[in-house]
């Protein structure tokens, strides 16, 4: 329509390599997606809620087959819709040949959820009721609410992810953010996890990674290669007359 951020309907995306240090770089990639796979790639997003602020927006892609991270968006533009677009295109790049569900932090993700809905990809978002029981809660129907006791449960999943697959992560910014990620305890005894200084350090990658990992837990079964299965199994029907 007249005020759209792009003059066409989005149906997919292409990867455009950039040089190191290029300010247009929004995404780091470890592995390109493989075609013909179902239930392999899962996305998690730590969004931004406004044009102002110090944090970036991050989307992580978790590969359930190799148990590693395939790509990470860590970006922020003056135009928040362009930031939304980069995260959406990254997820579409890993889901254009199959499905790539996405789990979004709901308490600050309303604008991004509306953006995805307007672009026609609302049906690929994770509902609150699909999450593990300890992570359900909040008022939003879509996504995960990172408040209250759920914040501690999310951190427990991040700890679980690092213990299980930390040696398979090949993104230095992930470990750089871990160095400045800490817990603060209030006088009432409640825990709050985040960066030691929001003006100097970020924690967006850490939360997008754990959301992608939680997203993969919402689906049972192992990833399946449909091209291999179609070659392995061939059904015949014999028609006879009585």
C-alpha atoms as a PDB file:
ATOM      1  CA  UNK A   1       0.000   0.000   0.000  1.00  0.00           C
ATOM      2  CA  UNK A   2       0.956   3.666  -0.101  1.00  0.00           C
ATOM      3  CA  UNK A   3       3.027   3.817   3.105  1.00  0.00           C
ATOM      4  CA  UNK A   4       4.620   0.349   2.898  1.00  0.00           C
ATOM      5  CA  UNK A   5       8.326   0.038   3.648  1.00  0.00           C
ATOM      6  CA  UNK A   6       8.844  -2.117   0.527  1.00  0.00           C
ATOM      7  CA  UNK A   7       7.082  -1.683  -2.848  1.00  0.00           C
ATOM      8  CA  UNK A   8       6.325  -5.363  -3.378  1.00  0.00           C
ATOM      9  CA  UNK A   9       5.022  -8.498  -1.708  1.00  0.00           C
ATOM     10  CA  UNK A  10       7.778 -10.446   0.072  1.00  0.00           C
ATOM     11  CA  UNK A  11       7.910 -14.125  -0.943  1.00  0.00           C
ATOM     12  CA  UNK A  12      11.491 -15.044  -0.001  1.00  0.00           C
ATOM     13  CA  UNK A  13      15.000 -13.708   0.433  1.00  0.00           C
ATOM     14  CA  UNK A  14      18.538 -13.954  -0.897  1.00  0.00           C
ATOM     15  CA  UNK A  15      21.843 -13.803   0.959  1.00  0.00           C
ATOM     16  CA  UNK A  16      24.008 -10.802  -0.005  1.00  0.00           C
ATOM     17  CA  UNK A  17      27.610 -11.067   1.309  1.00  0.00           C
ATOM     18  CA  UNK A  18      29.325  -7.920   2.620  1.00  0.00           C
ATOM     19  CA  UNK A  19      32.900  -7.055   3.493  1.00  0.00           C
ATOM     20  CA  UNK A  20      34.098  -7.044   7.130  1.00  0.00           C
ATOM     21  CA  UNK A  21      33.329  -3.709   8.749  1.00  0.00           C
ATOM     22  CA  UNK A  22      30.598  -2.798   6.250  1.00  0.00           C
ATOM     23  CA  UNK A  23      27.946  -0.788   8.186  1.00  0.00           C
ATOM     24  CA  UNK A  24      25.220  -2.439   6.092  1.00  0.00           C
ATOM     25  CA  UNK A  25      26.039  -5.853   7.579  1.00  0.00           C
ATOM     26  CA  UNK A  26      23.097  -7.039   9.639  1.00  0.00           C
ATOM     27  CA  UNK A  27      23.729 -10.787   9.904  1.00  0.00           C
ATOM     28  CA  UNK A  28      26.509 -13.262  10.645  1.00  0.00           C
ATOM     29  CA  UNK A  29      26.253 -16.727   9.105  1.00  0.00           C
ATOM     30  CA  UNK A  30      27.924 -20.025   9.906  1.00  0.00           C
ATOM     31  CA  UNK A  31      26.080 -22.328   7.468  1.00  0.00           C
ATOM     32  CA  UNK A  32      23.663 -21.807   4.598  1.00  0.00           C
ATOM     33  CA  UNK A  33      20.353 -23.705   4.849  1.00  0.00           C
ATOM     34  CA  UNK A  34      20.010 -27.138   3.276  1.00  0.00           C
ATOM     35  CA  UNK A  35      16.960 -27.816   1.170  1.00  0.00           C
ATOM     36  CA  UNK A  36      14.349 -30.549   1.591  1.00  0.00           C
ATOM     37  CA  UNK A  37      14.544 -30.610   5.398  1.00  0.00           C
ATOM     38  CA  UNK A  38      11.549 -30.425   7.719  1.00  0.00           C
ATOM     39  CA  UNK A  39      11.753 -29.615  11.409  1.00  0.00           C
ATOM     40  CA  UNK A  40      15.405 -28.586  11.229  1.00  0.00           C
ATOM     41  CA  UNK A  41      15.597 -24.782  11.513  1.00  0.00           C
ATOM     42  CA  UNK A  42      14.063 -22.712  14.309  1.00  0.00           C
ATOM     43  CA  UNK A  43      14.211 -18.962  14.919  1.00  0.00           C
ATOM     44  CA  UNK A  44      14.178 -16.892  18.092  1.00  0.00           C
ATOM     45  CA  UNK A  45      13.884 -13.100  18.219  1.00  0.00           C
ATOM     46  CA  UNK A  46      14.666 -10.502  20.870  1.00  0.00           C
ATOM     47  CA  UNK A  47      12.922  -7.468  19.331  1.00  0.00           C
ATOM     48  CA  UNK A  48      13.079  -3.731  19.887  1.00  0.00           C
ATOM     49  CA  UNK A  49      10.014  -1.882  21.086  1.00  0.00           C
ATOM     50  CA  UNK A  50      10.694   1.618  19.733  1.00  0.00           C
ATOM     51  CA  UNK A  51      12.969   3.760  17.557  1.00  0.00           C
ATOM     52  CA  UNK A  52      14.830   4.962  20.650  1.00  0.00           C
ATOM     53  CA  UNK A  53      17.112   2.937  22.888  1.00  0.00           C
ATOM     54  CA  UNK A  54      20.565   1.418  23.151  1.00  0.00           C
ATOM     55  CA  UNK A  55      19.862  -2.245  22.420  1.00  0.00           C
ATOM     56  CA  UNK A  56      20.020  -3.975  19.062  1.00  0.00           C
ATOM     57  CA  UNK A  57      17.456  -6.367  17.634  1.00  0.00           C
ATOM     58  CA  UNK A  58      18.545  -9.960  17.276  1.00  0.00           C
ATOM     59  CA  UNK A  59      17.252 -13.088  15.542  1.00  0.00           C
ATOM     60  CA  UNK A  60      19.045 -16.428  15.908  1.00  0.00           C
ATOM     61  CA  UNK A  61      18.620 -19.556  13.761  1.00  0.00           C
ATOM     62  CA  UNK A  62      19.079 -22.892  15.567  1.00  0.00           C
ATOM     63  CA  UNK A  63      19.902 -26.007  13.543  1.00  0.00           C
ATOM     64  CA  UNK A  64      18.258 -28.934  15.330  1.00  0.00           C
ATOM     65  CA  UNK A  65      20.083 -31.533  13.225  1.00  0.00           C
ATOM     66  CA  UNK A  66      23.640 -30.334  13.844  1.00  0.00           C
ATOM     67  CA  UNK A  67      22.785 -28.756  17.239  1.00  0.00           C
ATOM     68  CA  UNK A  68      24.418 -25.450  16.381  1.00  0.00           C
ATOM     69  CA  UNK A  69      23.609 -21.868  15.399  1.00  0.00           C
ATOM     70  CA  UNK A  70      23.384 -21.272  11.652  1.00  0.00           C
ATOM     71  CA  UNK A  71      22.999 -17.481  11.658  1.00  0.00           C
ATOM     72  CA  UNK A  72      22.547 -14.482  13.940  1.00  0.00           C
ATOM     73  CA  UNK A  73      21.062 -11.071  13.183  1.00  0.00           C
ATOM     74  CA  UNK A  74      22.484  -8.348  15.449  1.00  0.00           C
ATOM     75  CA  UNK A  75      21.397  -5.022  14.044  1.00  0.00           C
ATOM     76  CA  UNK A  76      19.611  -1.738  14.556  1.00  0.00           C
ATOM     77  CA  UNK A  77      18.719   0.930  12.007  1.00  0.00           C
ATOM     78  CA  UNK A  78      17.256   4.388  12.506  1.00  0.00           C
ATOM     79  CA  UNK A  79      14.166   3.095  10.719  1.00  0.00           C
ATOM     80  CA  UNK A  80      12.746   0.368  12.952  1.00  0.00           C
ATOM     81  CA  UNK A  81      10.860  -1.195  10.012  1.00  0.00           C
ATOM     82  CA  UNK A  82      14.140  -1.821   8.208  1.00  0.00           C
ATOM     83  CA  UNK A  83      15.411  -3.551  11.343  1.00  0.00           C
ATOM     84  CA  UNK A  84      12.257  -5.678  11.384  1.00  0.00           C
ATOM     85  CA  UNK A  85      12.792  -6.460   7.706  1.00  0.00           C
ATOM     86  CA  UNK A  86      16.326  -7.794   8.249  1.00  0.00           C
ATOM     87  CA  UNK A  87      15.128 -10.220  10.941  1.00  0.00           C
ATOM     88  CA  UNK A  88      12.182 -11.371   8.836  1.00  0.00           C
ATOM     89  CA  UNK A  89      14.345 -11.928   5.742  1.00  0.00           C
ATOM     90  CA  UNK A  90      16.879 -13.959   7.700  1.00  0.00           C
ATOM     91  CA  UNK A  91      14.172 -16.275   8.972  1.00  0.00           C
ATOM     92  CA  UNK A  92      12.658 -16.560   5.490  1.00  0.00           C
ATOM     93  CA  UNK A  93      16.073 -17.454   4.069  1.00  0.00           C
ATOM     94  CA  UNK A  94      16.126 -20.540   6.285  1.00  0.00           C
ATOM     95  CA  UNK A  95      12.451 -21.296   5.789  1.00  0.00           C
ATOM     96  CA  UNK A  96      11.813 -20.695   2.096  1.00  0.00           C
ATOM     97  CA  UNK A  97      12.357 -24.380   1.235  1.00  0.00           C
ATOM     98  CA  UNK A  98      10.702 -25.690   4.415  1.00  0.00           C
ATOM     99  CA  UNK A  99       9.241 -24.383   7.656  1.00  0.00           C
ATOM    100  CA  UNK A 100      11.173 -22.215  10.107  1.00  0.00           C
ATOM    101  CA  UNK A 101       8.964 -21.378  13.119  1.00  0.00           C
ATOM    102  CA  UNK A 102       9.809 -18.274  15.137  1.00  0.00           C
ATOM    103  CA  UNK A 103       9.514 -17.547  18.861  1.00  0.00           C
ATOM    104  CA  UNK A 104       9.348 -13.845  19.789  1.00  0.00           C
ATOM    105  CA  UNK A 105       9.639 -12.148  23.169  1.00  0.00           C
ATOM    106  CA  UNK A 106       6.067 -10.973  23.518  1.00  0.00           C
ATOM    107  CA  UNK A 107       6.327  -8.290  26.221  1.00  0.00           C
ATOM    108  CA  UNK A 108       8.307  -6.010  23.856  1.00  0.00           C
ATOM    109  CA  UNK A 109       7.462  -7.612  20.513  1.00  0.00           C
ATOM    110  CA  UNK A 110       3.990  -6.330  19.678  1.00  0.00           C
ATOM    111  CA  UNK A 111       5.183  -4.026  16.880  1.00  0.00           C
ATOM    112  CA  UNK A 112       7.305  -6.769  15.295  1.00  0.00           C
ATOM    113  CA  UNK A 113       4.460  -9.310  15.534  1.00  0.00           C
ATOM    114  CA  UNK A 114       2.140  -6.829  13.798  1.00  0.00           C
ATOM    115  CA  UNK A 115       4.792  -6.293  11.117  1.00  0.00           C
ATOM    116  CA  UNK A 116       5.053 -10.039  10.443  1.00  0.00           C
ATOM    117  CA  UNK A 117       1.265 -10.340  10.394  1.00  0.00           C
ATOM    118  CA  UNK A 118       1.021  -7.534   7.830  1.00  0.00           C
ATOM    119  CA  UNK A 119       3.609  -9.251   5.616  1.00  0.00           C
ATOM    120  CA  UNK A 120       1.591 -12.485   5.648  1.00  0.00           C
ATOM    121  CA  UNK A 121       3.759 -14.758   7.828  1.00  0.00           C
ATOM    122  CA  UNK A 122       1.743 -14.781  11.053  1.00  0.00           C
ATOM    123  CA  UNK A 123       1.026 -18.519  10.867  1.00  0.00           C
ATOM    124  CA  UNK A 124       4.728 -19.354  11.410  1.00  0.00           C
ATOM    125  CA  UNK A 125       4.861 -17.776  14.883  1.00  0.00           C
ATOM    126  CA  UNK A 126       4.868 -19.821  18.088  1.00  0.00           C
ATOM    127  CA  UNK A 127       1.835 -19.554  20.368  1.00  0.00           C
ATOM    128  CA  UNK A 128       2.184 -19.256  24.125  1.00  0.00           C
ATOM    129  CA  UNK A 129       0.345 -22.542  24.600  1.00  0.00           C
ATOM    130  CA  UNK A 130       2.974 -24.403  22.528  1.00  0.00           C
ATOM    131  CA  UNK A 131       5.733 -23.576  25.022  1.00  0.00           C
ATOM    132  CA  UNK A 132       6.925 -25.892  27.812  1.00  0.00           C
ATOM    133  CA  UNK A 133       4.687 -25.535  30.876  1.00  0.00           C
ATOM    134  CA  UNK A 134       7.222 -23.607  32.982  1.00  0.00           C
ATOM    135  CA  UNK A 135       7.562 -20.951  30.264  1.00  0.00           C
ATOM    136  CA  UNK A 136       3.872 -20.290  29.644  1.00  0.00           C
ATOM    137  CA  UNK A 137       2.263 -17.166  31.032  1.00  0.00           C
ATOM    138  CA  UNK A 138       1.637 -13.514  30.326  1.00  0.00           C
ATOM    139  CA  UNK A 139      -1.187 -11.741  28.531  1.00  0.00           C
ATOM    140  CA  UNK A 140      -0.035 -12.116  24.924  1.00  0.00           C
ATOM    141  CA  UNK A 141      -1.292 -15.003  22.801  1.00  0.00           C
ATOM    142  CA  UNK A 142       1.868 -15.106  20.637  1.00  0.00           C
ATOM    143  CA  UNK A 143       5.425 -15.514  21.897  1.00  0.00           C
ATOM    144  CA  UNK A 144       7.161 -15.882  25.253  1.00  0.00           C
ATOM    145  CA  UNK A 145       6.832 -13.442  28.154  1.00  0.00           C
ATOM    146  CA  UNK A 146      10.198 -12.699  29.781  1.00  0.00           C
ATOM    147  CA  UNK A 147       8.965 -11.383  33.118  1.00  0.00           C
ATOM    148  CA  UNK A 148       8.644 -12.650  36.670  1.00  0.00           C
ATOM    149  CA  UNK A 149       9.534 -16.255  37.389  1.00  0.00           C
ATOM    150  CA  UNK A 150       9.686 -16.943  33.642  1.00  0.00           C
ATOM    151  CA  UNK A 151      12.860 -14.840  33.393  1.00  0.00           C
ATOM    152  CA  UNK A 152      14.677 -17.276  35.676  1.00  0.00           C
ATOM    153  CA  UNK A 153      13.287 -20.271  33.783  1.00  0.00           C
ATOM    154  CA  UNK A 154      14.503 -18.769  30.502  1.00  0.00           C
ATOM    155  CA  UNK A 155      17.979 -18.283  31.982  1.00  0.00           C
ATOM    156  CA  UNK A 156      17.930 -21.936  33.088  1.00  0.00           C
ATOM    157  CA  UNK A 157      17.272 -22.914  29.459  1.00  0.00           C
ATOM    158  CA  UNK A 158      20.175 -20.718  28.342  1.00  0.00           C
ATOM    159  CA  UNK A 159      22.408 -22.481  30.870  1.00  0.00           C
ATOM    160  CA  UNK A 160      21.156 -25.843  29.582  1.00  0.00           C
ATOM    161  CA  UNK A 161      21.867 -24.802  25.987  1.00  0.00           C
ATOM    162  CA  UNK A 162      25.430 -23.668  26.769  1.00  0.00           C
ATOM    163  CA  UNK A 163      26.223 -26.875  28.672  1.00  0.00           C
ATOM    164  CA  UNK A 164      24.876 -29.074  25.894  1.00  0.00           C
ATOM    165  CA  UNK A 165      25.961 -27.220  22.744  1.00  0.00           C
ATOM    166  CA  UNK A 166      28.382 -24.479  23.798  1.00  0.00           C
ATOM    167  CA  UNK A 167      31.288 -26.188  22.028  1.00  0.00           C
ATOM    168  CA  UNK A 168      29.327 -26.045  18.743  1.00  0.00           C
ATOM    169  CA  UNK A 169      28.810 -22.274  18.714  1.00  0.00           C
ATOM    170  CA  UNK A 170      31.062 -20.368  16.304  1.00  0.00           C
ATOM    171  CA  UNK A 171      29.956 -16.769  16.889  1.00  0.00           C
ATOM    172  CA  UNK A 172      32.326 -14.638  18.945  1.00  0.00           C
ATOM    173  CA  UNK A 173      29.679 -11.956  19.759  1.00  0.00           C
ATOM    174  CA  UNK A 174      27.697 -14.646  21.615  1.00  0.00           C
ATOM    175  CA  UNK A 175      30.566 -15.249  24.037  1.00  0.00           C
ATOM    176  CA  UNK A 176      31.418 -11.540  24.209  1.00  0.00           C
ATOM    177  CA  UNK A 177      27.921 -10.826  25.510  1.00  0.00           C
ATOM    178  CA  UNK A 178      28.217 -13.640  28.038  1.00  0.00           C
ATOM    179  CA  UNK A 179      31.172 -11.836  29.641  1.00  0.00           C
ATOM    180  CA  UNK A 180      28.988  -8.845  30.573  1.00  0.00           C
ATOM    181  CA  UNK A 181      25.820 -10.819  31.397  1.00  0.00           C
ATOM    182  CA  UNK A 182      25.069 -10.915  35.117  1.00  0.00           C
ATOM    183  CA  UNK A 183      22.370 -11.336  37.762  1.00  0.00           C
ATOM    184  CA  UNK A 184      21.139  -8.626  40.120  1.00  0.00           C
ATOM    185  CA  UNK A 185      19.105  -9.457  43.229  1.00  0.00           C
ATOM    186  CA  UNK A 186      16.653  -6.984  44.730  1.00  0.00           C
ATOM    187  CA  UNK A 187      16.025  -6.468  48.452  1.00  0.00           C
ATOM    188  CA  UNK A 188      12.928  -8.638  48.093  1.00  0.00           C
ATOM    189  CA  UNK A 189      15.086 -11.492  46.779  1.00  0.00           C
ATOM    190  CA  UNK A 190      13.923 -11.473  43.162  1.00  0.00           C
ATOM    191  CA  UNK A 191      16.492 -12.088  40.414  1.00  0.00           C
ATOM    192  CA  UNK A 192      16.912 -10.018  37.265  1.00  0.00           C
ATOM    193  CA  UNK A 193      19.308 -11.064  34.506  1.00  0.00           C
ATOM    194  CA  UNK A 194      20.829  -8.681  32.004  1.00  0.00           C
ATOM    195  CA  UNK A 195      23.914  -6.784  30.935  1.00  0.00           C
ATOM    196  CA  UNK A 196      25.943  -4.899  33.532  1.00  0.00           C
ATOM    197  CA  UNK A 197      25.540  -1.627  31.606  1.00  0.00           C
ATOM    198  CA  UNK A 198      22.800  -1.275  28.994  1.00  0.00           C
ATOM    199  CA  UNK A 199      24.460   1.810  27.507  1.00  0.00           C
ATOM    200  CA  UNK A 200      27.755   0.019  26.792  1.00  0.00           C
ATOM    201  CA  UNK A 201      26.922  -3.687  26.419  1.00  0.00           C
ATOM    202  CA  UNK A 202      24.200  -5.793  24.850  1.00  0.00           C
ATOM    203  CA  UNK A 203      22.499  -9.088  25.665  1.00  0.00           C
ATOM    204  CA  UNK A 204      20.183  -9.363  22.648  1.00  0.00           C
ATOM    205  CA  UNK A 205      22.050 -12.277  21.038  1.00  0.00           C
ATOM    206  CA  UNK A 206      21.876 -14.327  24.232  1.00  0.00           C
ATOM    207  CA  UNK A 207      18.103 -14.023  24.467  1.00  0.00           C
ATOM    208  CA  UNK A 208      17.489 -14.618  20.758  1.00  0.00           C
ATOM    209  CA  UNK A 209      19.626 -17.782  20.962  1.00  0.00           C
ATOM    210  CA  UNK A 210      17.752 -19.198  23.937  1.00  0.00           C
ATOM    211  CA  UNK A 211      14.419 -18.335  22.278  1.00  0.00           C
ATOM    212  CA  UNK A 212      15.491 -20.249  19.162  1.00  0.00           C
ATOM    213  CA  UNK A 213      16.467 -23.206  21.342  1.00  0.00           C
ATOM    214  CA  UNK A 214      13.139 -23.073  23.212  1.00  0.00           C
ATOM    215  CA  UNK A 215      11.359 -22.855  19.857  1.00  0.00           C
ATOM    216  CA  UNK A 216      12.945 -26.170  18.831  1.00  0.00           C
ATOM    217  CA  UNK A 217      11.657 -27.764  22.062  1.00  0.00           C
ATOM    218  CA  UNK A 218       8.081 -26.958  21.040  1.00  0.00           C
ATOM    219  CA  UNK A 219       8.256 -29.605  18.290  1.00  0.00           C
ATOM    220  CA  UNK A 220       8.744 -33.319  18.870  1.00  0.00           C
ATOM    221  CA  UNK A 221      10.714 -35.618  16.630  1.00  0.00           C
ATOM    222  CA  UNK A 222      13.954 -35.355  14.695  1.00  0.00           C
ATOM    223  CA  UNK A 223      14.511 -33.345  11.489  1.00  0.00           C
ATOM    224  CA  UNK A 224      13.567 -35.268   8.360  1.00  0.00           C
ATOM    225  CA  UNK A 225      15.018 -35.085   4.879  1.00  0.00           C
ATOM    226  CA  UNK A 226      12.098 -35.441   2.480  1.00  0.00           C
ATOM    227  CA  UNK A 227      14.243 -36.042  -0.588  1.00  0.00           C
ATOM    228  CA  UNK A 228      15.855 -39.103   1.033  1.00  0.00           C
ATOM    229  CA  UNK A 229      12.544 -40.425   2.314  1.00  0.00           C
ATOM    230  CA  UNK A 230      10.902 -40.110  -1.090  1.00  0.00           C
ATOM    231  CA  UNK A 231      13.656 -42.196  -2.639  1.00  0.00           C
ATOM    232  CA  UNK A 232      13.664 -44.792   0.120  1.00  0.00           C
ATOM    233  CA  UNK A 233       9.937 -45.471   0.275  1.00  0.00           C
ATOM    234  CA  UNK A 234       7.866 -46.155  -2.813  1.00  0.00           C
ATOM    235  CA  UNK A 235       4.249 -47.226  -2.480  1.00  0.00           C
ATOM    236  CA  UNK A 236       2.520 -49.328  -5.130  1.00  0.00           C
ATOM    237  CA  UNK A 237      -1.164 -50.246  -5.376  1.00  0.00           C
ATOM    238  CA  UNK A 238      -2.341 -53.402  -7.139  1.00  0.00           C
ATOM    239  CA  UNK A 239      -5.832 -53.152  -8.598  1.00  0.00           C
ATOM    240  CA  UNK A 240      -7.681 -56.458  -8.996  1.00  0.00           C
ATOM    241  CA  UNK A 241     -11.188 -57.402 -10.040  1.00  0.00           C
ATOM    242  CA  UNK A 242     -13.169 -59.829  -7.880  1.00  0.00           C
END
